[in-house]
C-alpha atoms as a PDB file:
ATOM      1  CA  UNK A   1     -16.301   2.766 -13.912  1.00  0.00           C
ATOM      2  CA  UNK A   2     -14.376   4.382 -17.044  1.00  0.00           C
ATOM      3  CA  UNK A   3     -14.435   7.484 -14.430  1.00  0.00           C
ATOM      4  CA  UNK A   4     -12.489   5.109 -12.387  1.00  0.00           C
ATOM      5  CA  UNK A   5      -9.916   3.964 -14.362  1.00  0.00           C
ATOM      6  CA  UNK A   6      -9.021   7.158 -15.428  1.00  0.00           C
ATOM      7  CA  UNK A   7      -8.362   8.446 -12.187  1.00  0.00           C
ATOM      8  CA  UNK A   8      -5.554   5.546 -11.603  1.00  0.00           C
ATOM      9  CA  UNK A   9      -3.937   6.469 -14.674  1.00  0.00           C
ATOM     10  CA  UNK A  10      -3.985   9.852 -13.352  1.00  0.00           C
ATOM     11  CA  UNK A  11      -2.844   8.458 -10.176  1.00  0.00           C
ATOM     12  CA  UNK A  12      -0.364   6.070 -12.094  1.00  0.00           C
ATOM     13  CA  UNK A  13       1.069   9.256 -13.754  1.00  0.00           C
ATOM     14  CA  UNK A  14       1.517  11.874 -11.112  1.00  0.00           C
ATOM     15  CA  UNK A  15       3.218   9.315  -8.398  1.00  0.00           C
ATOM     16  CA  UNK A  16       5.230   7.702 -11.316  1.00  0.00           C
ATOM     17  CA  UNK A  17       3.885   4.180 -10.598  1.00  0.00           C
ATOM     18  CA  UNK A  18       3.890   1.004 -12.368  1.00  0.00           C
ATOM     19  CA  UNK A  19       1.057  -1.509 -13.185  1.00  0.00           C
ATOM     20  CA  UNK A  20       2.355  -3.626  -9.979  1.00  0.00           C
ATOM     21  CA  UNK A  21       2.364  -0.550  -8.108  1.00  0.00           C
ATOM     22  CA  UNK A  22      -1.278   0.469  -8.774  1.00  0.00           C
ATOM     23  CA  UNK A  23      -2.099  -3.382  -8.110  1.00  0.00           C
ATOM     24  CA  UNK A  24      -0.844  -3.014  -5.077  1.00  0.00           C
ATOM     25  CA  UNK A  25      -2.664   0.130  -3.811  1.00  0.00           C
ATOM     26  CA  UNK A  26      -5.409  -1.764  -5.294  1.00  0.00           C
ATOM     27  CA  UNK A  27      -5.292  -4.879  -3.173  1.00  0.00           C
ATOM     28  CA  UNK A  28      -4.518  -2.207  -0.062  1.00  0.00           C
ATOM     29  CA  UNK A  29      -7.496  -0.999  -0.663  1.00  0.00           C
ATOM     30  CA  UNK A  30      -6.218   2.427  -1.423  1.00  0.00           C
ATOM     31  CA  UNK A  31      -8.147   5.122  -3.891  1.00  0.00           C
ATOM     32  CA  UNK A  32      -6.430   6.767  -6.916  1.00  0.00           C
ATOM     33  CA  UNK A  33      -7.580  10.185  -4.496  1.00  0.00           C
ATOM     34  CA  UNK A  34      -5.240   8.916  -1.730  1.00  0.00           C
ATOM     35  CA  UNK A  35      -2.168   8.108  -3.669  1.00  0.00           C
ATOM     36  CA  UNK A  36      -1.936  11.557  -5.081  1.00  0.00           C
ATOM     37  CA  UNK A  37      -2.676  13.433  -1.679  1.00  0.00           C
ATOM     38  CA  UNK A  38       0.382  12.003  -0.551  1.00  0.00           C
ATOM     39  CA  UNK A  39       2.938  12.992  -3.325  1.00  0.00           C
ATOM     40  CA  UNK A  40       5.605  14.939  -0.827  1.00  0.00           C
ATOM     41  CA  UNK A  41       6.204  18.497  -1.918  1.00  0.00           C
ATOM     42  CA  UNK A  42       9.414  20.157  -1.354  1.00  0.00           C
ATOM     43  CA  UNK A  43       8.456  21.419   2.002  1.00  0.00           C
ATOM     44  CA  UNK A  44       8.063  17.392   3.291  1.00  0.00           C
ATOM     45  CA  UNK A  45      11.077  16.444   2.794  1.00  0.00           C
ATOM     46  CA  UNK A  46      10.554  13.433   5.429  1.00  0.00           C
ATOM     47  CA  UNK A  47       7.815  12.106   3.618  1.00  0.00           C
ATOM     48  CA  UNK A  48       8.823   9.209   1.287  1.00  0.00           C
ATOM     49  CA  UNK A  49       7.693   8.805  -2.505  1.00  0.00           C
ATOM     50  CA  UNK A  50       4.422   7.210  -2.961  1.00  0.00           C
ATOM     51  CA  UNK A  51       5.792   3.762  -4.605  1.00  0.00           C
ATOM     52  CA  UNK A  52       8.064   3.662  -1.405  1.00  0.00           C
ATOM     53  CA  UNK A  53       5.078   4.564   1.070  1.00  0.00           C
ATOM     54  CA  UNK A  54       2.969   1.795  -0.537  1.00  0.00           C
ATOM     55  CA  UNK A  55       5.807  -1.122  -0.393  1.00  0.00           C
ATOM     56  CA  UNK A  56       6.172  -0.152   3.457  1.00  0.00           C
ATOM     57  CA  UNK A  57       2.330  -0.374   3.843  1.00  0.00           C
ATOM     58  CA  UNK A  58       2.343  -3.735   2.386  1.00  0.00           C
ATOM     59  CA  UNK A  59       5.621  -4.759   4.376  1.00  0.00           C
ATOM     60  CA  UNK A  60       3.875  -3.649   7.509  1.00  0.00           C
ATOM     61  CA  UNK A  61       0.967  -5.912   6.736  1.00  0.00           C
ATOM     62  CA  UNK A  62       2.845  -8.651   6.036  1.00  0.00           C
ATOM     63  CA  UNK A  63       4.811  -8.743   8.754  1.00  0.00           C
ATOM     64  CA  UNK A  64       1.482  -8.445  11.046  1.00  0.00           C
ATOM     65  CA  UNK A  65       0.263 -11.587   9.443  1.00  0.00           C
ATOM     66  CA  UNK A  66       2.884 -13.655   9.932  1.00  0.00           C
ATOM     67  CA  UNK A  67       2.930 -12.512  13.751  1.00  0.00           C
ATOM     68  CA  UNK A  68      -0.674 -13.480  14.110  1.00  0.00           C
ATOM     69  CA  UNK A  69      -0.009 -16.778  12.214  1.00  0.00           C
ATOM     70  CA  UNK A  70       2.954 -17.233  14.285  1.00  0.00           C
ATOM     71  CA  UNK A  71       0.627 -16.605  17.270  1.00  0.00           C
ATOM     72  CA  UNK A  72      -2.327 -18.975  16.221  1.00  0.00           C
ATOM     73  CA  UNK A  73       0.272 -21.790  15.744  1.00  0.00           C
ATOM     74  CA  UNK A  74       1.541 -21.251  19.265  1.00  0.00           C
ATOM     75  CA  UNK A  75      -1.804 -21.124  20.821  1.00  0.00           C
ATOM     76  CA  UNK A  76      -3.023 -24.187  19.026  1.00  0.00           C
ATOM     77  CA  UNK A  77       0.100 -26.029  19.973  1.00  0.00           C
ATOM     78  CA  UNK A  78      -0.146 -25.081  23.799  1.00  0.00           C
ATOM     79  CA  UNK A  79      -3.573 -26.599  22.994  1.00  0.00           C
ATOM     80  CA  UNK A  80      -2.626 -30.178  22.213  1.00  0.00           C
END
């Protein structure tokens, strides 16, 4: 368990994340190694910084959940 916390601290430092970003990554089900692997190198200018990447994933998931909820509400409205 302590080893896991060390990995999260390492990812936090290497990816320049704050505690909120780490909490978001954990909520998204990511692990510290995946964060470190997604650090863009100089030869990958198209890659977003890890912080932006995390927020982008979260935004997409929230949008998808909202769409699913809208469809569910529409379907319930049609049944009545």
